[in-house]
Amino acid sequence: MRSHFFAVLSVVLSALLLTAPASWAASPKAQQSTQSGVYRVAIDRGVSLGEAAESMRLRANALNLQLVAELPMSKQVEAITGKPQRTVTIFQFCDAVLAMDLIAANPDFSIYMPCRIALIEDANGQGLLVMMDVNIDSVAQEKRLTPALKNRINAVRKSLLDIMQAGAKGEL
């Protein structure tokens, strides 16, 4: 039951925390996808997918975001099918205290948790980091969040973008 709670908690945060002001996406490699609601960062060519993953884990830890799950989807499919797969790993991060506060404010926030960042190898071998991009301002207004909760959401959102940038550059 405890793991189910943290999974639900993380869903709420991921959707709420995944909208950032344009100033947070200042890196030329950071871009909003042409598909609405998606934020994508290309991993630098000199950075391996393993290095990107380790950099994200380390940065999340430094920013006090918990890595609550890591889903190696491509390895699971490879084990089932016996066929090699391009890398696809879903990382799930959570700030449990904020998640509890959001659920206390409105249980609907639970659908946005955990915050997810996908590490994907495209058909050309290029690594990408992808996450959902939700308009926090409209969600906060609709759910009548206090300014303090909205600020905390934005702080986690900024941390998620920092995690993506660290992964893309292989920064420790």
N, C-alpha and C. Protein backbone atom coordinates (compact mmCIF):
# COMPACT_ATOMS: atom_id res chain seq x y z
N MET A 1 0.82 -1.18 0.00
CA MET A 1 0.00 0.00 0.00
C MET A 1 0.87 1.25 0.00
N ARG A 2 2.00 1.20 0.71
CA ARG A 2 2.88 2.36 0.77
C ARG A 2 3.45 2.68 -0.61
N SER A 3 3.86 1.66 -1.37
CA SER A 3 4.40 1.92 -2.71
C SER A 3 3.31 2.46 -3.63
N HIS A 4 2.07 1.98 -3.45
CA HIS A 4 0.96 2.50 -4.24
C HIS A 4 0.74 3.97 -3.93
N PHE A 5 0.83 4.33 -2.66
CA PHE A 5 0.67 5.72 -2.26
C PHE A 5 1.70 6.61 -2.95
N PHE A 6 2.99 6.19 -2.93
CA PHE A 6 4.03 7.01 -3.53
C PHE A 6 3.87 7.07 -5.05
N ALA A 7 3.36 6.01 -5.65
CA ALA A 7 3.12 6.04 -7.09
C ALA A 7 2.05 7.08 -7.42
N VAL A 8 0.97 7.07 -6.65
CA VAL A 8 -0.11 8.03 -6.87
C VAL A 8 0.40 9.44 -6.60
N LEU A 9 1.16 9.60 -5.54
CA LEU A 9 1.71 10.88 -5.18
C LEU A 9 2.58 11.45 -6.30
N SER A 10 3.38 10.61 -6.89
CA SER A 10 4.27 11.06 -7.95
C SER A 10 3.51 11.45 -9.20
N VAL A 11 2.39 10.80 -9.50
CA VAL A 11 1.58 11.16 -10.67
C VAL A 11 1.09 12.59 -10.54
N VAL A 12 0.63 12.94 -9.35
CA VAL A 12 0.13 14.30 -9.14
C VAL A 12 1.22 15.32 -9.39
N LEU A 13 2.37 15.09 -8.84
CA LEU A 13 3.45 16.06 -9.00
C LEU A 13 3.90 16.18 -10.44
N SER A 14 3.95 15.06 -11.16
CA SER A 14 4.51 15.14 -12.50
C SER A 14 3.72 16.06 -13.40
N ALA A 15 2.43 16.00 -13.37
CA ALA A 15 1.66 16.88 -14.24
C ALA A 15 1.68 18.31 -13.75
N LEU A 16 1.63 18.48 -12.46
CA LEU A 16 1.62 19.83 -11.92
C LEU A 16 2.94 20.54 -12.07
N LEU A 17 3.99 19.78 -12.02
CA LEU A 17 5.30 20.39 -11.94
C LEU A 17 5.97 20.52 -13.29
N LEU A 18 5.27 20.21 -14.31
CA LEU A 18 5.94 20.12 -15.59
C LEU A 18 5.66 21.27 -16.53
N THR A 19 5.39 22.42 -16.01
CA THR A 19 5.28 23.61 -16.82
C THR A 19 6.27 24.62 -16.29
N ALA A 20 7.03 25.18 -17.17
CA ALA A 20 8.04 26.13 -16.73
C ALA A 20 7.99 27.37 -17.58
N PRO A 21 8.39 28.49 -16.99
CA PRO A 21 8.53 29.70 -17.80
C PRO A 21 9.61 29.48 -18.85
N ALA A 22 9.50 30.20 -19.93
CA ALA A 22 10.47 30.04 -21.02
C ALA A 22 11.89 30.29 -20.56
N SER A 23 12.08 31.13 -19.56
CA SER A 23 13.43 31.44 -19.08
C SER A 23 14.13 30.22 -18.51
N TRP A 24 13.38 29.22 -18.04
CA TRP A 24 14.00 28.00 -17.51
C TRP A 24 14.50 27.11 -18.63
N ALA A 25 14.02 27.30 -19.81
CA ALA A 25 14.40 26.47 -20.95
C ALA A 25 15.39 27.21 -21.83
N ALA A 26 16.32 27.92 -21.22
CA ALA A 26 17.22 28.79 -21.97
C ALA A 26 18.25 28.04 -22.80
N SER A 27 18.53 26.80 -22.45
CA SER A 27 19.52 26.04 -23.19
C SER A 27 19.05 25.83 -24.63
N PRO A 28 19.96 25.99 -25.62
CA PRO A 28 19.55 25.79 -27.01
C PRO A 28 19.10 24.36 -27.28
N LYS A 29 19.53 23.39 -26.48
CA LYS A 29 19.12 22.02 -26.70
C LYS A 29 17.77 21.72 -26.07
N ALA A 30 17.34 22.57 -25.16
CA ALA A 30 16.05 22.37 -24.51
C ALA A 30 14.99 22.98 -25.41
N GLN A 31 13.94 22.23 -25.65
CA GLN A 31 12.91 22.75 -26.53
C GLN A 31 11.59 22.10 -26.23
N GLN A 32 10.55 22.85 -26.48
CA GLN A 32 9.24 22.23 -26.41
C GLN A 32 9.03 21.53 -27.74
N SER A 33 8.54 20.33 -27.66
CA SER A 33 8.28 19.55 -28.86
C SER A 33 7.20 20.24 -29.67
N THR A 34 7.11 19.87 -30.94
CA THR A 34 6.02 20.38 -31.76
C THR A 34 4.70 19.84 -31.26
N GLN A 35 4.75 18.74 -30.52
CA GLN A 35 3.54 18.18 -29.93
C GLN A 35 3.27 18.92 -28.62
N SER A 36 2.09 19.48 -28.50
CA SER A 36 1.73 20.23 -27.30
C SER A 36 1.82 19.32 -26.07
N GLY A 37 2.31 19.89 -24.98
CA GLY A 37 2.36 19.15 -23.74
C GLY A 37 3.60 18.29 -23.56
N VAL A 38 4.61 18.46 -24.41
CA VAL A 38 5.83 17.66 -24.32
C VAL A 38 7.04 18.58 -24.27
N TYR A 39 7.96 18.28 -23.35
CA TYR A 39 9.21 19.02 -23.24
C TYR A 39 10.33 18.03 -23.52
N ARG A 40 11.26 18.39 -24.41
CA ARG A 40 12.28 17.46 -24.88
C ARG A 40 13.65 18.11 -24.88
N VAL A 41 14.67 17.34 -24.43
CA VAL A 41 16.06 17.79 -24.45
C VAL A 41 16.89 16.70 -25.11
N ALA A 42 17.70 17.06 -26.09
CA ALA A 42 18.61 16.10 -26.73
C ALA A 42 19.84 15.90 -25.84
N ILE A 43 20.27 14.67 -25.70
CA ILE A 43 21.47 14.36 -24.94
C ILE A 43 22.67 14.67 -25.83
N ASP A 44 23.67 15.36 -25.28
CA ASP A 44 24.88 15.69 -26.04
C ASP A 44 25.48 14.42 -26.65
N ARG A 45 26.01 14.54 -27.85
CA ARG A 45 26.56 13.39 -28.57
C ARG A 45 27.67 12.68 -27.80
N GLY A 46 28.45 13.40 -27.04
CA GLY A 46 29.56 12.79 -26.30
C GLY A 46 29.15 12.15 -24.98
N VAL A 47 27.85 12.16 -24.67
CA VAL A 47 27.35 11.62 -23.41
C VAL A 47 26.60 10.32 -23.69
N SER A 48 27.03 9.23 -23.05
CA SER A 48 26.33 7.96 -23.24
C SER A 48 25.00 7.97 -22.51
N LEU A 49 24.12 7.07 -22.89
CA LEU A 49 22.83 6.99 -22.21
C LEU A 49 23.02 6.61 -20.73
N GLY A 50 23.97 5.75 -20.45
CA GLY A 50 24.28 5.38 -19.07
C GLY A 50 24.77 6.57 -18.26
N GLU A 51 25.62 7.39 -18.87
CA GLU A 51 26.12 8.59 -18.19
C GLU A 51 24.98 9.58 -17.95
N ALA A 52 24.09 9.71 -18.92
CA ALA A 52 22.94 10.61 -18.76
C ALA A 52 22.06 10.14 -17.61
N ALA A 53 21.80 8.85 -17.54
CA ALA A 53 20.97 8.30 -16.48
C ALA A 53 21.61 8.53 -15.11
N GLU A 54 22.90 8.25 -15.00
CA GLU A 54 23.59 8.44 -13.73
C GLU A 54 23.62 9.91 -13.33
N SER A 55 23.80 10.79 -14.29
CA SER A 55 23.79 12.23 -14.00
C SER A 55 22.42 12.67 -13.46
N MET A 56 21.35 12.13 -14.05
CA MET A 56 20.01 12.48 -13.56
C MET A 56 19.79 11.98 -12.14
N ARG A 57 20.22 10.75 -11.86
CA ARG A 57 20.08 10.21 -10.51
C ARG A 57 20.82 11.08 -9.49
N LEU A 58 22.06 11.43 -9.82
CA LEU A 58 22.87 12.23 -8.91
C LEU A 58 22.29 13.63 -8.71
N ARG A 59 21.83 14.25 -9.80
CA ARG A 59 21.28 15.61 -9.68
C ARG A 59 19.99 15.59 -8.86
N ALA A 60 19.15 14.59 -9.09
CA ALA A 60 17.91 14.48 -8.31
C ALA A 60 18.23 14.38 -6.83
N ASN A 61 19.20 13.56 -6.50
CA ASN A 61 19.60 13.40 -5.11
C ASN A 61 20.09 14.73 -4.53
N ALA A 62 20.90 15.45 -5.29
CA ALA A 62 21.42 16.73 -4.83
C ALA A 62 20.31 17.76 -4.64
N LEU A 63 19.23 17.62 -5.39
CA LEU A 63 18.10 18.56 -5.30
C LEU A 63 17.00 18.06 -4.36
N ASN A 64 17.27 16.98 -3.65
CA ASN A 64 16.32 16.40 -2.69
C ASN A 64 15.01 15.94 -3.33
N LEU A 65 15.09 15.45 -4.56
CA LEU A 65 13.95 14.78 -5.18
C LEU A 65 14.24 13.29 -5.13
N GLN A 66 13.28 12.52 -4.68
CA GLN A 66 13.45 11.08 -4.58
C GLN A 66 13.20 10.41 -5.92
N LEU A 67 14.10 9.50 -6.29
CA LEU A 67 13.86 8.63 -7.43
C LEU A 67 13.04 7.47 -6.89
N VAL A 68 11.74 7.49 -7.13
CA VAL A 68 10.85 6.49 -6.54
C VAL A 68 10.69 5.26 -7.42
N ALA A 69 11.05 5.38 -8.70
CA ALA A 69 10.97 4.22 -9.59
C ALA A 69 11.82 4.47 -10.82
N GLU A 70 12.35 3.39 -11.34
CA GLU A 70 13.09 3.42 -12.60
C GLU A 70 12.63 2.20 -13.40
N LEU A 71 11.97 2.45 -14.51
CA LEU A 71 11.36 1.38 -15.29
C LEU A 71 12.14 1.15 -16.60
N PRO A 72 12.93 0.09 -16.66
CA PRO A 72 13.70 -0.21 -17.87
C PRO A 72 12.83 -0.91 -18.92
N MET A 73 11.94 -0.17 -19.54
CA MET A 73 10.96 -0.76 -20.45
C MET A 73 11.60 -1.54 -21.60
N SER A 74 12.65 -0.99 -22.18
CA SER A 74 13.27 -1.68 -23.32
C SER A 74 13.86 -3.02 -22.89
N LYS A 75 14.43 -3.09 -21.70
CA LYS A 75 14.98 -4.36 -21.20
C LYS A 75 13.87 -5.36 -20.94
N GLN A 76 12.73 -4.88 -20.45
CA GLN A 76 11.61 -5.76 -20.21
C GLN A 76 11.08 -6.34 -21.52
N VAL A 77 10.95 -5.49 -22.54
CA VAL A 77 10.46 -5.95 -23.84
C VAL A 77 11.46 -6.92 -24.46
N GLU A 78 12.75 -6.62 -24.34
CA GLU A 78 13.78 -7.50 -24.86
C GLU A 78 13.72 -8.88 -24.19
N ALA A 79 13.49 -8.90 -22.88
CA ALA A 79 13.39 -10.16 -22.16
C ALA A 79 12.17 -10.97 -22.60
N ILE A 80 11.10 -10.29 -22.94
CA ILE A 80 9.87 -10.96 -23.36
C ILE A 80 9.97 -11.45 -24.81
N THR A 81 10.49 -10.58 -25.68
CA THR A 81 10.50 -10.90 -27.12
C THR A 81 11.77 -11.58 -27.58
N GLY A 82 12.86 -11.40 -26.82
CA GLY A 82 14.15 -11.93 -27.26
C GLY A 82 14.80 -11.10 -28.35
N LYS A 83 14.21 -9.96 -28.67
CA LYS A 83 14.72 -9.09 -29.73
C LYS A 83 15.34 -7.84 -29.12
N PRO A 84 16.50 -7.42 -29.63
CA PRO A 84 17.13 -6.18 -29.13
C PRO A 84 16.20 -4.98 -29.31
N GLN A 85 16.25 -4.08 -28.34
CA GLN A 85 15.40 -2.88 -28.36
C GLN A 85 16.26 -1.64 -28.18
N ARG A 86 15.80 -0.52 -28.74
CA ARG A 86 16.42 0.76 -28.42
C ARG A 86 16.10 1.07 -26.97
N THR A 87 17.00 1.77 -26.32
CA THR A 87 16.83 2.08 -24.90
C THR A 87 15.62 2.97 -24.65
N VAL A 88 14.78 2.55 -23.71
CA VAL A 88 13.68 3.36 -23.19
C VAL A 88 13.61 3.06 -21.70
N THR A 89 13.90 4.08 -20.89
CA THR A 89 13.82 3.96 -19.43
C THR A 89 13.02 5.13 -18.90
N ILE A 90 12.07 4.83 -18.04
CA ILE A 90 11.24 5.88 -17.44
C ILE A 90 11.70 6.07 -15.99
N PHE A 91 12.09 7.30 -15.67
CA PHE A 91 12.50 7.67 -14.32
C PHE A 91 11.32 8.40 -13.67
N GLN A 92 11.03 8.05 -12.42
CA GLN A 92 9.94 8.69 -11.70
C GLN A 92 10.48 9.35 -10.43
N PHE A 93 10.28 10.66 -10.34
CA PHE A 93 10.78 11.45 -9.23
C PHE A 93 9.62 11.99 -8.41
N CYS A 94 9.87 12.24 -7.11
CA CYS A 94 8.79 12.72 -6.26
C CYS A 94 9.33 13.55 -5.09
N ASP A 95 8.59 14.58 -4.74
CA ASP A 95 8.75 15.32 -3.50
C ASP A 95 7.52 14.95 -2.68
N ALA A 96 7.65 13.97 -1.81
CA ALA A 96 6.52 13.39 -1.10
C ALA A 96 5.78 14.40 -0.23
N VAL A 97 6.49 15.32 0.41
CA VAL A 97 5.84 16.30 1.27
C VAL A 97 4.94 17.22 0.44
N LEU A 98 5.46 17.70 -0.67
CA LEU A 98 4.64 18.55 -1.54
C LEU A 98 3.47 17.76 -2.10
N ALA A 99 3.71 16.53 -2.48
CA ALA A 99 2.63 15.70 -3.02
C ALA A 99 1.49 15.55 -2.01
N MET A 100 1.84 15.31 -0.75
CA MET A 100 0.81 15.18 0.29
C MET A 100 0.03 16.49 0.45
N ASP A 101 0.74 17.60 0.41
CA ASP A 101 0.08 18.90 0.54
C ASP A 101 -0.87 19.15 -0.62
N LEU A 102 -0.47 18.76 -1.82
CA LEU A 102 -1.33 18.94 -2.99
C LEU A 102 -2.57 18.05 -2.92
N ILE A 103 -2.38 16.82 -2.50
CA ILE A 103 -3.52 15.91 -2.37
C ILE A 103 -4.47 16.41 -1.29
N ALA A 104 -3.91 16.96 -0.21
CA ALA A 104 -4.76 17.53 0.83
C ALA A 104 -5.58 18.70 0.28
N ALA A 105 -4.97 19.47 -0.62
CA ALA A 105 -5.68 20.60 -1.22
C ALA A 105 -6.76 20.13 -2.18
N ASN A 106 -6.46 19.07 -2.93
CA ASN A 106 -7.42 18.54 -3.90
C ASN A 106 -6.96 17.15 -4.35
N PRO A 107 -7.73 16.11 -4.08
CA PRO A 107 -7.33 14.74 -4.45
C PRO A 107 -7.09 14.55 -5.95
N ASP A 108 -7.63 15.43 -6.78
CA ASP A 108 -7.42 15.32 -8.23
C ASP A 108 -5.94 15.40 -8.61
N PHE A 109 -5.13 16.04 -7.77
CA PHE A 109 -3.71 16.16 -8.08
C PHE A 109 -3.01 14.80 -8.15
N SER A 110 -3.59 13.80 -7.55
CA SER A 110 -2.96 12.49 -7.53
C SER A 110 -2.74 11.91 -8.92
N ILE A 111 -3.52 12.33 -9.90
CA ILE A 111 -3.35 11.78 -11.25
C ILE A 111 -2.07 12.25 -11.92
N TYR A 112 -1.44 13.28 -11.39
CA TYR A 112 -0.24 13.82 -12.00
C TYR A 112 1.06 13.23 -11.46
N MET A 113 0.97 12.30 -10.54
CA MET A 113 2.17 11.79 -9.88
C MET A 113 2.53 10.41 -10.37
N PRO A 114 3.80 10.03 -10.36
CA PRO A 114 4.99 10.81 -10.04
C PRO A 114 5.44 11.64 -11.23
N CYS A 115 6.42 12.50 -11.02
CA CYS A 115 7.01 13.28 -12.11
C CYS A 115 7.87 12.32 -12.93
N ARG A 116 7.63 12.26 -14.21
CA ARG A 116 8.33 11.31 -15.06
C ARG A 116 9.23 12.00 -16.07
N ILE A 117 10.41 11.42 -16.22
CA ILE A 117 11.34 11.81 -17.29
C ILE A 117 11.70 10.53 -18.01
N ALA A 118 11.49 10.51 -19.31
CA ALA A 118 11.82 9.34 -20.11
C ALA A 118 13.18 9.54 -20.78
N LEU A 119 14.02 8.53 -20.71
CA LEU A 119 15.29 8.51 -21.44
C LEU A 119 15.06 7.58 -22.62
N ILE A 120 15.19 8.12 -23.83
CA ILE A 120 14.84 7.38 -25.04
C ILE A 120 15.98 7.46 -26.04
N GLU A 121 16.27 6.34 -26.66
CA GLU A 121 17.22 6.30 -27.77
C GLU A 121 16.41 6.26 -29.06
N ASP A 122 16.58 7.28 -29.91
CA ASP A 122 15.80 7.31 -31.14
C ASP A 122 16.39 6.38 -32.19
N ALA A 123 15.77 6.31 -33.35
CA ALA A 123 16.18 5.39 -34.41
C ALA A 123 17.60 5.66 -34.91
N ASN A 124 18.11 6.87 -34.70
CA ASN A 124 19.46 7.22 -35.13
C ASN A 124 20.49 7.06 -34.02
N GLY A 125 20.07 6.55 -32.87
CA GLY A 125 20.98 6.38 -31.75
C GLY A 125 21.13 7.62 -30.89
N GLN A 126 20.40 8.67 -31.21
CA GLN A 126 20.44 9.91 -30.42
C GLN A 126 19.63 9.74 -29.14
N GLY A 127 20.20 10.13 -28.02
CA GLY A 127 19.49 10.08 -26.76
C GLY A 127 18.63 11.31 -26.56
N LEU A 128 17.46 11.11 -26.02
CA LEU A 128 16.52 12.20 -25.73
C LEU A 128 16.00 12.05 -24.32
N LEU A 129 15.73 13.17 -23.68
CA LEU A 129 15.05 13.19 -22.40
C LEU A 129 13.72 13.90 -22.63
N VAL A 130 12.63 13.28 -22.21
CA VAL A 130 11.30 13.78 -22.53
C VAL A 130 10.44 13.76 -21.27
N MET A 131 9.68 14.83 -21.07
CA MET A 131 8.70 14.85 -19.98
C MET A 131 7.47 15.65 -20.38
N MET A 132 6.43 15.47 -19.61
CA MET A 132 5.17 16.16 -19.84
C MET A 132 5.34 17.64 -19.52
N ASP A 133 4.67 18.49 -20.27
CA ASP A 133 4.72 19.93 -20.06
C ASP A 133 3.29 20.43 -19.83
N VAL A 134 2.95 20.67 -18.57
CA VAL A 134 1.61 21.08 -18.17
C VAL A 134 1.61 22.54 -17.77
N ASN A 135 0.55 23.25 -18.08
CA ASN A 135 0.45 24.66 -17.72
C ASN A 135 0.07 24.79 -16.25
N ILE A 136 1.09 25.03 -15.42
CA ILE A 136 0.89 25.11 -13.98
C ILE A 136 -0.04 26.25 -13.60
N ASP A 137 0.09 27.39 -14.29
CA ASP A 137 -0.74 28.54 -13.94
C ASP A 137 -2.22 28.22 -14.06
N SER A 138 -2.61 27.56 -15.17
CA SER A 138 -4.03 27.26 -15.35
C SER A 138 -4.50 26.19 -14.37
N VAL A 139 -3.65 25.19 -14.09
CA VAL A 139 -4.03 24.16 -13.12
C VAL A 139 -4.16 24.77 -11.74
N ALA A 140 -3.21 25.62 -11.35
CA ALA A 140 -3.24 26.25 -10.04
C ALA A 140 -4.49 27.11 -9.88
N GLN A 141 -4.85 27.81 -10.94
CA GLN A 141 -6.04 28.67 -10.88
C GLN A 141 -7.30 27.80 -10.79
N GLU A 142 -7.37 26.78 -11.63
CA GLU A 142 -8.55 25.91 -11.64
C GLU A 142 -8.75 25.20 -10.29
N LYS A 143 -7.66 24.75 -9.69
CA LYS A 143 -7.74 24.01 -8.43
C LYS A 143 -7.63 24.92 -7.21
N ARG A 144 -7.54 26.22 -7.45
CA ARG A 144 -7.50 27.22 -6.38
C ARG A 144 -6.36 26.97 -5.39
N LEU A 145 -5.16 26.80 -5.94
CA LEU A 145 -3.99 26.61 -5.10
C LEU A 145 -3.54 27.92 -4.48
N THR A 146 -2.98 27.83 -3.31
CA THR A 146 -2.43 29.02 -2.67
C THR A 146 -1.16 29.41 -3.42
N PRO A 147 -0.78 30.68 -3.35
CA PRO A 147 0.48 31.10 -3.98
C PRO A 147 1.68 30.30 -3.45
N ALA A 148 1.66 29.95 -2.16
CA ALA A 148 2.77 29.19 -1.58
C ALA A 148 2.90 27.81 -2.23
N LEU A 149 1.77 27.11 -2.43
CA LEU A 149 1.82 25.80 -3.09
C LEU A 149 2.26 25.94 -4.54
N LYS A 150 1.77 26.96 -5.21
CA LYS A 150 2.17 27.18 -6.59
C LYS A 150 3.68 27.43 -6.68
N ASN A 151 4.23 28.19 -5.76
CA ASN A 151 5.67 28.44 -5.74
C ASN A 151 6.46 27.15 -5.50
N ARG A 152 5.96 26.30 -4.62
CA ARG A 152 6.63 25.03 -4.37
C ARG A 152 6.58 24.13 -5.60
N ILE A 153 5.46 24.14 -6.31
CA ILE A 153 5.35 23.36 -7.55
C ILE A 153 6.37 23.87 -8.56
N ASN A 154 6.45 25.17 -8.70
CA ASN A 154 7.40 25.75 -9.65
C ASN A 154 8.85 25.42 -9.28
N ALA A 155 9.14 25.34 -7.99
CA ALA A 155 10.50 24.97 -7.55
C ALA A 155 10.82 23.53 -7.95
N VAL A 156 9.86 22.63 -7.80
CA VAL A 156 10.10 21.24 -8.21
C VAL A 156 10.23 21.17 -9.73
N ARG A 157 9.41 21.93 -10.43
CA ARG A 157 9.49 21.97 -11.89
C ARG A 157 10.88 22.41 -12.33
N LYS A 158 11.38 23.43 -11.69
CA LYS A 158 12.73 23.92 -12.01
C LYS A 158 13.76 22.82 -11.74
N SER A 159 13.59 22.09 -10.65
CA SER A 159 14.50 20.99 -10.34
C SER A 159 14.45 19.91 -11.41
N LEU A 160 13.26 19.59 -11.90
CA LEU A 160 13.14 18.58 -12.96
C LEU A 160 13.86 19.02 -14.23
N LEU A 161 13.74 20.29 -14.56
CA LEU A 161 14.46 20.80 -15.73
C LEU A 161 15.97 20.74 -15.50
N ASP A 162 16.39 21.02 -14.29
CA ASP A 162 17.81 20.93 -13.94
C ASP A 162 18.29 19.48 -14.07
N ILE A 163 17.47 18.54 -13.63
CA ILE A 163 17.81 17.11 -13.77
C ILE A 163 17.96 16.75 -15.25
N MET A 164 17.06 17.23 -16.09
CA MET A 164 17.15 16.95 -17.52
C MET A 164 18.41 17.55 -18.12
N GLN A 165 18.73 18.79 -17.75
CA GLN A 165 19.93 19.43 -18.29
C GLN A 165 21.19 18.71 -17.84
N ALA A 166 21.22 18.28 -16.57
CA ALA A 166 22.39 17.53 -16.08
C ALA A 166 22.54 16.22 -16.86
N GLY A 167 21.43 15.55 -17.09
CA GLY A 167 21.48 14.32 -17.87
C GLY A 167 21.94 14.55 -19.30
N ALA A 168 21.44 15.59 -19.92
CA ALA A 168 21.79 15.88 -21.30
C ALA A 168 23.28 16.19 -21.46
N LYS A 169 23.86 16.79 -20.45
CA LYS A 169 25.27 17.19 -20.52
C LYS A 169 26.21 16.20 -19.83
N GLY A 170 25.63 15.21 -19.14
CA GLY A 170 26.46 14.25 -18.42
C GLY A 170 27.15 14.86 -17.21
N GLU A 171 26.51 15.87 -16.64
CA GLU A 171 27.11 16.56 -15.48
C GLU A 171 26.87 15.75 -14.21
N LEU A 172 27.89 15.71 -13.39
CA LEU A 172 27.76 15.03 -12.11
C LEU A 172 27.59 16.06 -11.06
